[in-house]
Structure formats: structure tokens, C-alpha cells
N, C-alpha and C. Protein backbone atom coordinates (compact mmCIF):
# COMPACT_ATOMS: atom_id res chain seq x y z
N MET A 1 8.31 -19.45 -6.87
CA MET A 1 7.27 -18.47 -6.75
C MET A 1 7.48 -17.69 -5.46
N CYS A 2 7.05 -16.42 -5.47
CA CYS A 2 7.29 -15.55 -4.34
C CYS A 2 5.99 -14.85 -3.94
N PHE A 3 5.77 -14.74 -2.65
CA PHE A 3 4.59 -14.09 -2.09
C PHE A 3 4.94 -12.64 -1.77
N SER A 4 4.01 -11.72 -2.07
CA SER A 4 4.19 -10.31 -1.74
C SER A 4 3.00 -9.85 -0.91
N LEU A 5 3.29 -9.12 0.16
CA LEU A 5 2.26 -8.57 1.03
C LEU A 5 2.37 -7.05 1.01
N PHE A 6 1.25 -6.39 0.74
CA PHE A 6 1.20 -4.95 0.67
C PHE A 6 0.21 -4.43 1.71
N ALA A 7 0.51 -3.25 2.26
CA ALA A 7 -0.38 -2.62 3.25
C ALA A 7 -0.77 -1.24 2.77
N GLY A 8 -2.05 -0.93 2.88
CA GLY A 8 -2.56 0.39 2.56
C GLY A 8 -2.96 1.10 3.84
N THR A 9 -2.42 2.28 4.03
CA THR A 9 -2.68 3.09 5.23
C THR A 9 -2.90 4.54 4.82
N SER A 10 -3.34 5.35 5.76
CA SER A 10 -3.52 6.77 5.49
C SER A 10 -2.18 7.51 5.50
N ARG A 11 -1.30 7.07 6.39
CA ARG A 11 0.04 7.66 6.52
C ARG A 11 1.06 6.52 6.46
N PRO A 12 2.30 6.83 6.04
CA PRO A 12 3.29 5.77 5.92
C PRO A 12 3.58 5.08 7.25
N LEU A 13 3.75 3.78 7.19
CA LEU A 13 4.26 3.03 8.34
C LEU A 13 5.75 3.30 8.45
N PRO A 14 6.34 3.15 9.64
CA PRO A 14 7.78 3.35 9.78
C PRO A 14 8.55 2.41 8.84
N ARG A 15 9.48 2.96 8.10
CA ARG A 15 10.26 2.19 7.14
C ARG A 15 11.40 1.47 7.83
N SER A 16 11.69 0.28 7.34
CA SER A 16 12.80 -0.53 7.86
C SER A 16 13.18 -1.52 6.77
N GLU A 17 14.22 -1.23 6.04
CA GLU A 17 14.66 -2.11 4.96
C GLU A 17 15.12 -3.47 5.51
N TRP A 18 15.01 -4.48 4.67
CA TRP A 18 15.43 -5.82 5.05
C TRP A 18 16.94 -5.88 5.21
N ILE A 19 17.37 -6.54 6.28
CA ILE A 19 18.79 -6.85 6.46
C ILE A 19 18.89 -8.28 6.96
N LEU A 20 19.95 -8.96 6.55
CA LEU A 20 20.18 -10.33 6.98
C LEU A 20 20.26 -10.36 8.50
N ASP A 21 19.61 -11.31 9.12
CA ASP A 21 19.56 -11.45 10.58
C ASP A 21 18.93 -10.24 11.26
N GLY A 22 18.09 -9.50 10.52
CA GLY A 22 17.40 -8.34 11.08
C GLY A 22 16.05 -8.74 11.64
N PRO A 23 15.18 -7.77 11.84
CA PRO A 23 13.84 -8.05 12.36
C PRO A 23 13.06 -8.97 11.43
N LEU A 24 12.08 -9.66 11.99
CA LEU A 24 11.27 -10.58 11.18
C LEU A 24 10.42 -9.86 10.15
N VAL A 25 10.03 -8.61 10.42
CA VAL A 25 9.15 -7.86 9.54
C VAL A 25 9.81 -6.53 9.20
N ASN A 26 9.74 -6.15 7.92
CA ASN A 26 10.27 -4.87 7.49
C ASN A 26 9.28 -4.21 6.54
N VAL A 27 9.41 -2.90 6.40
CA VAL A 27 8.48 -2.11 5.59
C VAL A 27 9.28 -1.22 4.66
N ARG A 28 8.92 -1.24 3.39
CA ARG A 28 9.60 -0.35 2.45
C ARG A 28 8.57 0.36 1.58
N ALA A 29 9.00 1.47 1.02
CA ALA A 29 8.14 2.21 0.10
C ALA A 29 7.84 1.35 -1.12
N LEU A 30 6.77 1.65 -1.77
CA LEU A 30 6.36 0.91 -2.96
C LEU A 30 7.32 1.19 -4.11
N HIS A 31 7.78 0.15 -4.78
CA HIS A 31 8.60 0.32 -5.98
C HIS A 31 7.69 0.62 -7.17
N GLU A 32 8.23 1.27 -8.17
CA GLU A 32 7.44 1.58 -9.38
C GLU A 32 6.84 0.32 -9.99
N SER A 33 7.57 -0.78 -9.92
CA SER A 33 7.07 -2.03 -10.50
C SER A 33 5.85 -2.58 -9.76
N ASP A 34 5.58 -2.06 -8.57
CA ASP A 34 4.40 -2.48 -7.79
C ASP A 34 3.26 -1.49 -7.88
N ALA A 35 3.34 -0.53 -8.80
CA ALA A 35 2.31 0.50 -8.91
C ALA A 35 0.92 -0.08 -9.21
N TRP A 36 0.86 -1.27 -9.79
CA TRP A 36 -0.41 -1.93 -10.09
C TRP A 36 -1.28 -2.09 -8.84
N THR A 37 -0.65 -2.12 -7.65
CA THR A 37 -1.42 -2.33 -6.41
C THR A 37 -2.39 -1.18 -6.15
N ARG A 38 -2.11 0.00 -6.66
CA ARG A 38 -2.97 1.18 -6.40
C ARG A 38 -4.40 0.94 -6.86
N THR A 39 -4.60 0.05 -7.79
CA THR A 39 -5.94 -0.28 -8.29
C THR A 39 -6.84 -0.83 -7.20
N PHE A 40 -6.27 -1.54 -6.24
CA PHE A 40 -7.08 -2.28 -5.27
C PHE A 40 -7.26 -1.57 -3.94
N PHE A 41 -6.37 -0.67 -3.60
CA PHE A 41 -6.41 -0.03 -2.28
C PHE A 41 -7.22 1.26 -2.30
N THR A 42 -7.93 1.51 -1.21
CA THR A 42 -8.62 2.78 -1.05
C THR A 42 -7.78 3.76 -0.24
N LYS A 43 -6.79 3.24 0.47
CA LYS A 43 -5.90 4.08 1.28
C LYS A 43 -4.81 4.67 0.38
N PRO A 44 -4.38 5.91 0.66
CA PRO A 44 -3.41 6.58 -0.23
C PRO A 44 -1.97 6.08 -0.11
N GLU A 45 -1.58 5.57 1.05
CA GLU A 45 -0.19 5.15 1.26
C GLU A 45 -0.11 3.63 1.17
N ILE A 46 0.62 3.14 0.17
CA ILE A 46 0.76 1.70 0.00
C ILE A 46 2.23 1.37 0.17
N GLN A 47 2.50 0.33 0.96
CA GLN A 47 3.87 -0.07 1.21
C GLN A 47 3.99 -1.59 1.15
N TYR A 48 5.20 -2.03 0.87
CA TYR A 48 5.51 -3.45 0.79
C TYR A 48 5.92 -3.92 2.18
N ILE A 49 5.36 -5.05 2.61
CA ILE A 49 5.69 -5.62 3.91
C ILE A 49 6.52 -6.88 3.66
N GLY A 50 7.76 -6.84 4.09
CA GLY A 50 8.66 -7.96 3.89
C GLY A 50 8.85 -8.77 5.16
N SER A 51 9.43 -9.92 5.00
CA SER A 51 9.69 -10.81 6.13
C SER A 51 11.20 -11.06 6.23
N ASP A 52 11.55 -11.97 7.07
CA ASP A 52 12.96 -12.32 7.27
C ASP A 52 13.60 -12.96 6.04
N THR A 53 12.79 -13.33 5.06
CA THR A 53 13.30 -13.98 3.86
C THR A 53 13.78 -12.98 2.81
N GLY A 54 13.56 -11.69 3.04
CA GLY A 54 13.90 -10.67 2.07
C GLY A 54 12.73 -10.34 1.16
N CYS A 55 11.71 -11.17 1.18
CA CYS A 55 10.46 -10.92 0.47
C CYS A 55 9.35 -11.16 1.49
N SER A 56 8.16 -11.48 1.06
CA SER A 56 7.07 -11.73 2.01
C SER A 56 6.82 -13.22 2.22
N CYS A 57 7.68 -14.06 1.67
CA CYS A 57 7.48 -15.52 1.75
C CYS A 57 7.55 -16.08 3.18
N GLY A 58 8.07 -15.32 4.10
CA GLY A 58 8.15 -15.79 5.48
C GLY A 58 6.82 -15.78 6.20
N PHE A 59 5.82 -15.08 5.63
CA PHE A 59 4.50 -15.05 6.25
C PHE A 59 3.77 -16.35 5.95
N PRO A 60 3.01 -16.87 6.91
CA PRO A 60 2.26 -18.10 6.65
C PRO A 60 1.14 -17.86 5.65
N THR A 61 1.04 -18.74 4.66
CA THR A 61 0.04 -18.59 3.60
C THR A 61 -0.67 -19.91 3.33
N VAL A 62 -1.79 -19.80 2.64
CA VAL A 62 -2.51 -20.97 2.16
C VAL A 62 -2.98 -20.65 0.74
N MET A 63 -2.95 -21.65 -0.13
CA MET A 63 -3.35 -21.46 -1.52
C MET A 63 -4.70 -22.11 -1.76
N GLN A 64 -5.43 -21.54 -2.71
CA GLN A 64 -6.74 -22.04 -3.06
C GLN A 64 -6.61 -23.34 -3.85
N ASP A 65 -7.52 -24.28 -3.57
CA ASP A 65 -7.50 -25.52 -4.35
C ASP A 65 -8.26 -25.29 -5.66
N GLY A 66 -8.33 -26.26 -6.51
CA GLY A 66 -8.98 -26.13 -7.81
C GLY A 66 -10.48 -25.94 -7.74
N CYS A 67 -11.07 -26.09 -6.56
CA CYS A 67 -12.53 -25.96 -6.39
C CYS A 67 -12.93 -24.65 -5.73
N GLY A 68 -11.99 -23.76 -5.53
CA GLY A 68 -12.31 -22.47 -4.92
C GLY A 68 -12.30 -22.49 -3.40
N ASN A 69 -11.80 -23.56 -2.80
CA ASN A 69 -11.73 -23.66 -1.34
C ASN A 69 -10.34 -23.25 -0.86
N TRP A 70 -10.24 -22.98 0.43
CA TRP A 70 -8.98 -22.61 1.05
C TRP A 70 -8.60 -23.69 2.06
N PRO A 71 -8.23 -24.88 1.60
CA PRO A 71 -7.92 -25.95 2.56
C PRO A 71 -6.66 -25.64 3.36
N TYR A 72 -6.74 -25.88 4.62
CA TYR A 72 -5.57 -25.70 5.47
C TYR A 72 -5.06 -27.08 5.84
N TYR A 73 -3.86 -27.36 5.43
CA TYR A 73 -3.25 -28.64 5.76
C TYR A 73 -2.09 -28.38 6.71
N MET A 74 -2.05 -29.13 7.77
CA MET A 74 -0.88 -29.05 8.66
C MET A 74 0.26 -29.71 7.91
N ASP A 75 1.28 -28.96 7.69
CA ASP A 75 2.45 -29.48 7.00
C ASP A 75 3.18 -30.42 7.96
N PRO A 76 3.24 -31.70 7.64
CA PRO A 76 3.88 -32.65 8.57
C PRO A 76 5.37 -32.37 8.74
N VAL A 77 5.96 -31.59 7.81
CA VAL A 77 7.38 -31.29 7.92
C VAL A 77 7.61 -30.16 8.93
N LYS A 78 6.59 -29.32 9.14
CA LYS A 78 6.75 -28.21 10.08
C LYS A 78 6.85 -28.75 11.50
N ASP A 79 7.83 -28.26 12.20
CA ASP A 79 7.96 -28.66 13.59
C ASP A 79 7.57 -27.49 14.48
N ALA A 80 7.66 -27.69 15.76
CA ALA A 80 7.24 -26.66 16.73
C ALA A 80 8.00 -25.36 16.52
N GLU A 81 9.26 -25.46 16.13
CA GLU A 81 10.06 -24.25 15.90
C GLU A 81 9.52 -23.44 14.71
N ASP A 82 9.13 -24.13 13.63
CA ASP A 82 8.55 -23.45 12.47
C ASP A 82 7.22 -22.80 12.82
N ILE A 83 6.40 -23.50 13.56
CA ILE A 83 5.09 -22.97 13.95
C ILE A 83 5.28 -21.75 14.84
N GLU A 84 6.23 -21.80 15.74
CA GLU A 84 6.53 -20.65 16.61
C GLU A 84 7.02 -19.46 15.78
N LYS A 85 7.81 -19.72 14.75
CA LYS A 85 8.28 -18.65 13.88
C LYS A 85 7.10 -17.99 13.16
N ASP A 86 6.14 -18.79 12.68
CA ASP A 86 4.94 -18.25 12.06
C ASP A 86 4.22 -17.30 13.02
N ARG A 87 4.09 -17.72 14.27
CA ARG A 87 3.41 -16.89 15.27
C ARG A 87 4.18 -15.61 15.52
N ASN A 88 5.51 -15.72 15.60
CA ASN A 88 6.32 -14.53 15.86
C ASN A 88 6.28 -13.53 14.71
N ILE A 89 6.27 -14.02 13.49
CA ILE A 89 6.23 -13.09 12.36
C ILE A 89 4.86 -12.41 12.29
N CYS A 90 3.80 -13.13 12.62
CA CYS A 90 2.47 -12.52 12.64
C CYS A 90 2.37 -11.50 13.79
N LYS A 91 2.96 -11.83 14.90
CA LYS A 91 2.99 -10.89 16.04
C LYS A 91 3.76 -9.63 15.65
N GLY A 92 4.92 -9.78 15.00
CA GLY A 92 5.70 -8.63 14.55
C GLY A 92 4.93 -7.77 13.56
N LEU A 93 4.21 -8.42 12.66
CA LEU A 93 3.38 -7.68 11.71
C LEU A 93 2.32 -6.87 12.45
N CYS A 94 1.66 -7.48 13.41
CA CYS A 94 0.62 -6.78 14.17
C CYS A 94 1.19 -5.58 14.92
N GLU A 95 2.39 -5.73 15.46
CA GLU A 95 3.01 -4.61 16.16
C GLU A 95 3.25 -3.43 15.22
N ILE A 96 3.69 -3.71 14.01
CA ILE A 96 3.92 -2.64 13.03
C ILE A 96 2.59 -2.04 12.57
N LEU A 97 1.61 -2.88 12.30
CA LEU A 97 0.31 -2.37 11.84
C LEU A 97 -0.36 -1.50 12.90
N ALA A 98 -0.19 -1.85 14.16
CA ALA A 98 -0.78 -1.07 15.25
C ALA A 98 -0.23 0.35 15.30
N LEU A 99 0.95 0.56 14.74
CA LEU A 99 1.55 1.90 14.70
C LEU A 99 0.81 2.83 13.75
N ALA A 100 -0.05 2.30 12.91
CA ALA A 100 -0.77 3.11 11.93
C ALA A 100 -1.70 4.12 12.59
N ASP A 101 -2.14 3.86 13.81
CA ASP A 101 -3.04 4.77 14.52
C ASP A 101 -4.26 5.12 13.67
N GLU A 102 -4.87 4.09 13.12
CA GLU A 102 -6.08 4.24 12.31
C GLU A 102 -7.09 3.20 12.78
N ASP A 103 -8.32 3.37 12.37
CA ASP A 103 -9.34 2.38 12.70
C ASP A 103 -9.19 1.13 11.83
N ARG A 104 -8.85 1.34 10.56
CA ARG A 104 -8.72 0.22 9.62
C ARG A 104 -7.55 0.46 8.68
N ILE A 105 -6.93 -0.63 8.31
CA ILE A 105 -5.93 -0.59 7.24
C ILE A 105 -6.29 -1.69 6.25
N GLU A 106 -5.56 -1.75 5.16
CA GLU A 106 -5.82 -2.76 4.14
C GLU A 106 -4.55 -3.57 3.89
N LEU A 107 -4.72 -4.87 3.68
CA LEU A 107 -3.62 -5.76 3.33
C LEU A 107 -4.01 -6.53 2.07
N TYR A 108 -3.03 -6.75 1.20
CA TYR A 108 -3.26 -7.56 0.01
C TYR A 108 -2.05 -8.45 -0.19
N GLY A 109 -2.27 -9.75 -0.21
CA GLY A 109 -1.20 -10.72 -0.42
C GLY A 109 -1.38 -11.43 -1.74
N VAL A 110 -0.31 -11.47 -2.54
CA VAL A 110 -0.43 -12.04 -3.88
C VAL A 110 0.86 -12.77 -4.24
N TRP A 111 0.71 -13.86 -4.97
CA TRP A 111 1.85 -14.64 -5.44
C TRP A 111 2.37 -14.06 -6.75
N ALA A 112 3.66 -14.14 -6.97
CA ALA A 112 4.27 -13.69 -8.22
C ALA A 112 3.56 -14.34 -9.39
N GLY A 113 3.34 -13.57 -10.41
CA GLY A 113 2.61 -14.07 -11.57
C GLY A 113 1.14 -13.69 -11.55
N ASN A 114 0.63 -13.31 -10.38
CA ASN A 114 -0.77 -12.93 -10.25
C ASN A 114 -0.94 -11.43 -10.00
N GLU A 115 0.14 -10.67 -10.16
CA GLU A 115 0.07 -9.24 -9.94
C GLU A 115 -0.96 -8.62 -10.87
N GLY A 116 -1.77 -7.72 -10.33
CA GLY A 116 -2.76 -7.01 -11.12
C GLY A 116 -4.08 -7.73 -11.27
N LYS A 117 -4.14 -9.00 -10.86
CA LYS A 117 -5.40 -9.74 -10.93
C LYS A 117 -6.30 -9.35 -9.76
N GLU A 118 -7.58 -9.41 -9.99
CA GLU A 118 -8.54 -9.12 -8.93
C GLU A 118 -8.31 -10.06 -7.75
N PRO A 119 -8.49 -9.55 -6.52
CA PRO A 119 -8.36 -10.43 -5.35
C PRO A 119 -9.29 -11.63 -5.46
N LEU A 120 -8.82 -12.77 -4.99
CA LEU A 120 -9.62 -13.99 -4.98
C LEU A 120 -10.56 -14.05 -3.78
N ASN A 121 -10.26 -13.22 -2.78
CA ASN A 121 -10.99 -13.28 -1.52
C ASN A 121 -10.94 -11.91 -0.87
N ARG A 122 -12.02 -11.51 -0.24
CA ARG A 122 -12.05 -10.25 0.52
C ARG A 122 -12.64 -10.56 1.89
N GLU A 123 -11.95 -10.08 2.92
CA GLU A 123 -12.39 -10.35 4.30
C GLU A 123 -12.14 -9.14 5.18
N VAL A 124 -12.94 -9.05 6.22
CA VAL A 124 -12.69 -8.09 7.30
C VAL A 124 -12.16 -8.92 8.47
N ILE A 125 -10.99 -8.55 8.97
CA ILE A 125 -10.37 -9.28 10.08
C ILE A 125 -9.85 -8.29 11.11
N THR A 126 -9.34 -8.81 12.20
CA THR A 126 -8.75 -7.98 13.25
C THR A 126 -7.29 -8.41 13.46
N LEU A 127 -6.58 -7.62 14.23
CA LEU A 127 -5.21 -8.01 14.58
C LEU A 127 -5.22 -9.31 15.36
N ASP A 128 -6.25 -9.52 16.19
CA ASP A 128 -6.34 -10.79 16.94
C ASP A 128 -6.48 -11.97 15.99
N ASP A 129 -7.17 -11.80 14.88
CA ASP A 129 -7.27 -12.88 13.89
C ASP A 129 -5.88 -13.24 13.34
N ILE A 130 -5.09 -12.21 13.04
CA ILE A 130 -3.74 -12.45 12.50
C ILE A 130 -2.86 -13.14 13.54
N ARG A 131 -3.10 -12.87 14.80
CA ARG A 131 -2.30 -13.49 15.87
C ARG A 131 -2.72 -14.93 16.17
N ARG A 132 -3.86 -15.38 15.64
CA ARG A 132 -4.34 -16.75 15.91
C ARG A 132 -3.29 -17.78 15.52
N GLU A 133 -3.27 -18.87 16.22
CA GLU A 133 -2.23 -19.88 16.03
C GLU A 133 -2.12 -20.38 14.59
N TYR A 134 -3.24 -20.61 13.94
CA TYR A 134 -3.18 -21.19 12.60
C TYR A 134 -3.61 -20.20 11.51
N PHE A 135 -3.45 -18.91 11.76
CA PHE A 135 -3.78 -17.91 10.74
C PHE A 135 -2.86 -18.09 9.54
N ARG A 136 -3.44 -17.99 8.35
CA ARG A 136 -2.69 -18.03 7.10
C ARG A 136 -3.25 -16.94 6.18
N PHE A 137 -2.37 -16.21 5.49
CA PHE A 137 -2.83 -15.28 4.47
C PHE A 137 -3.26 -16.11 3.27
N LYS A 138 -4.44 -15.82 2.76
CA LYS A 138 -4.94 -16.52 1.58
C LYS A 138 -4.32 -15.90 0.34
N GLU A 139 -3.89 -16.75 -0.58
CA GLU A 139 -3.33 -16.23 -1.83
C GLU A 139 -4.37 -15.34 -2.50
N GLY A 140 -3.96 -14.18 -2.92
CA GLY A 140 -4.90 -13.26 -3.55
C GLY A 140 -5.91 -12.69 -2.57
N GLY A 141 -5.64 -12.79 -1.28
CA GLY A 141 -6.56 -12.29 -0.26
C GLY A 141 -6.39 -10.80 -0.02
N PHE A 142 -7.52 -10.09 -0.02
CA PHE A 142 -7.53 -8.66 0.31
C PHE A 142 -8.27 -8.52 1.64
N TYR A 143 -7.59 -7.90 2.58
CA TYR A 143 -8.12 -7.82 3.94
C TYR A 143 -8.31 -6.37 4.37
N ARG A 144 -9.45 -6.10 4.96
CA ARG A 144 -9.65 -4.85 5.67
C ARG A 144 -9.45 -5.24 7.15
N VAL A 145 -8.43 -4.66 7.75
CA VAL A 145 -8.03 -5.05 9.10
C VAL A 145 -8.49 -3.97 10.08
N LYS A 146 -9.36 -4.37 11.01
CA LYS A 146 -9.80 -3.46 12.08
C LYS A 146 -8.72 -3.40 13.14
N LEU A 147 -8.27 -2.20 13.43
CA LEU A 147 -7.21 -2.05 14.45
C LEU A 147 -7.79 -1.74 15.83
N HIS A 148 -8.96 -1.15 15.87
CA HIS A 148 -9.56 -0.78 17.17
C HIS A 148 -10.95 -1.36 17.29
């Protein structure tokens, strides 16, 4: 399964295609196969946000349990290096999002197979929230991100 993160802005974010051993975060124009995302965004410019994995799977995520909760479990396999990588990728994302020069942007994270489904969660957050040590994108989470 693969995670996809999309950003809605008023103007395009700077584009940077994924390259092996490149930056942790990259931004590309929306592919035709991702046109379904337009249903959920109020912003006119929608772009795909990728990670060092070539998709968005490098971003820290949490999945909903069968009861509608968002349990966060510390993965005992994750070591300090993995946790630091999570923080760095979130920091890199925040740096790119800050370039939008807007008051708010929108983010939507979805797992493959759930494309086109209504978001499971809607939240208003800040860049500081994304930078928090244990921040995780919720599967199917739609975020209105305050930049200022």
C-alpha cells in the first residue's frame, strides 16, 4: 500500500521532481490520474507532495483502528535515527509550505485504494503542529494548515 499527500494552494509551489538521494521532500504537478482530488480542495492549485521514497510513504502516518480512533503506537522497531528522519521530513515539508505566502493551505493524505473517498478526518493545524515530535498524518486526513 502507498500513501499519497496532496497540497492545495492558490499558486503553485516550487516544483522539484523526485531523484534518488535528492531532497527529502519534492513537489510535482498533479497527474491526470489524481484529478479526483479536485473534489475535496477549495484551492485552485493542487500538487502532489512526495518524499525521499519516490512517493509520500516517507511521511509519518497513523491509521484509524476499527473503532474510529487514531491510536498512536510507538513502533518499537523505530530507532532514534528513524525518528529524526521523521522530524526532518516534516521540517522539509514545512519549509516548502511556507513558500506558499498564503494564510492557509490545504493538505490531504490518503492511502492507495481509498482515492476519491470522503476524508475520514478534518482538522485545522499549524506548521508548528507538523513540526511536533510525534506528529503523524492521519490516513484520509484533510488539513487546513494555518501558515501565519
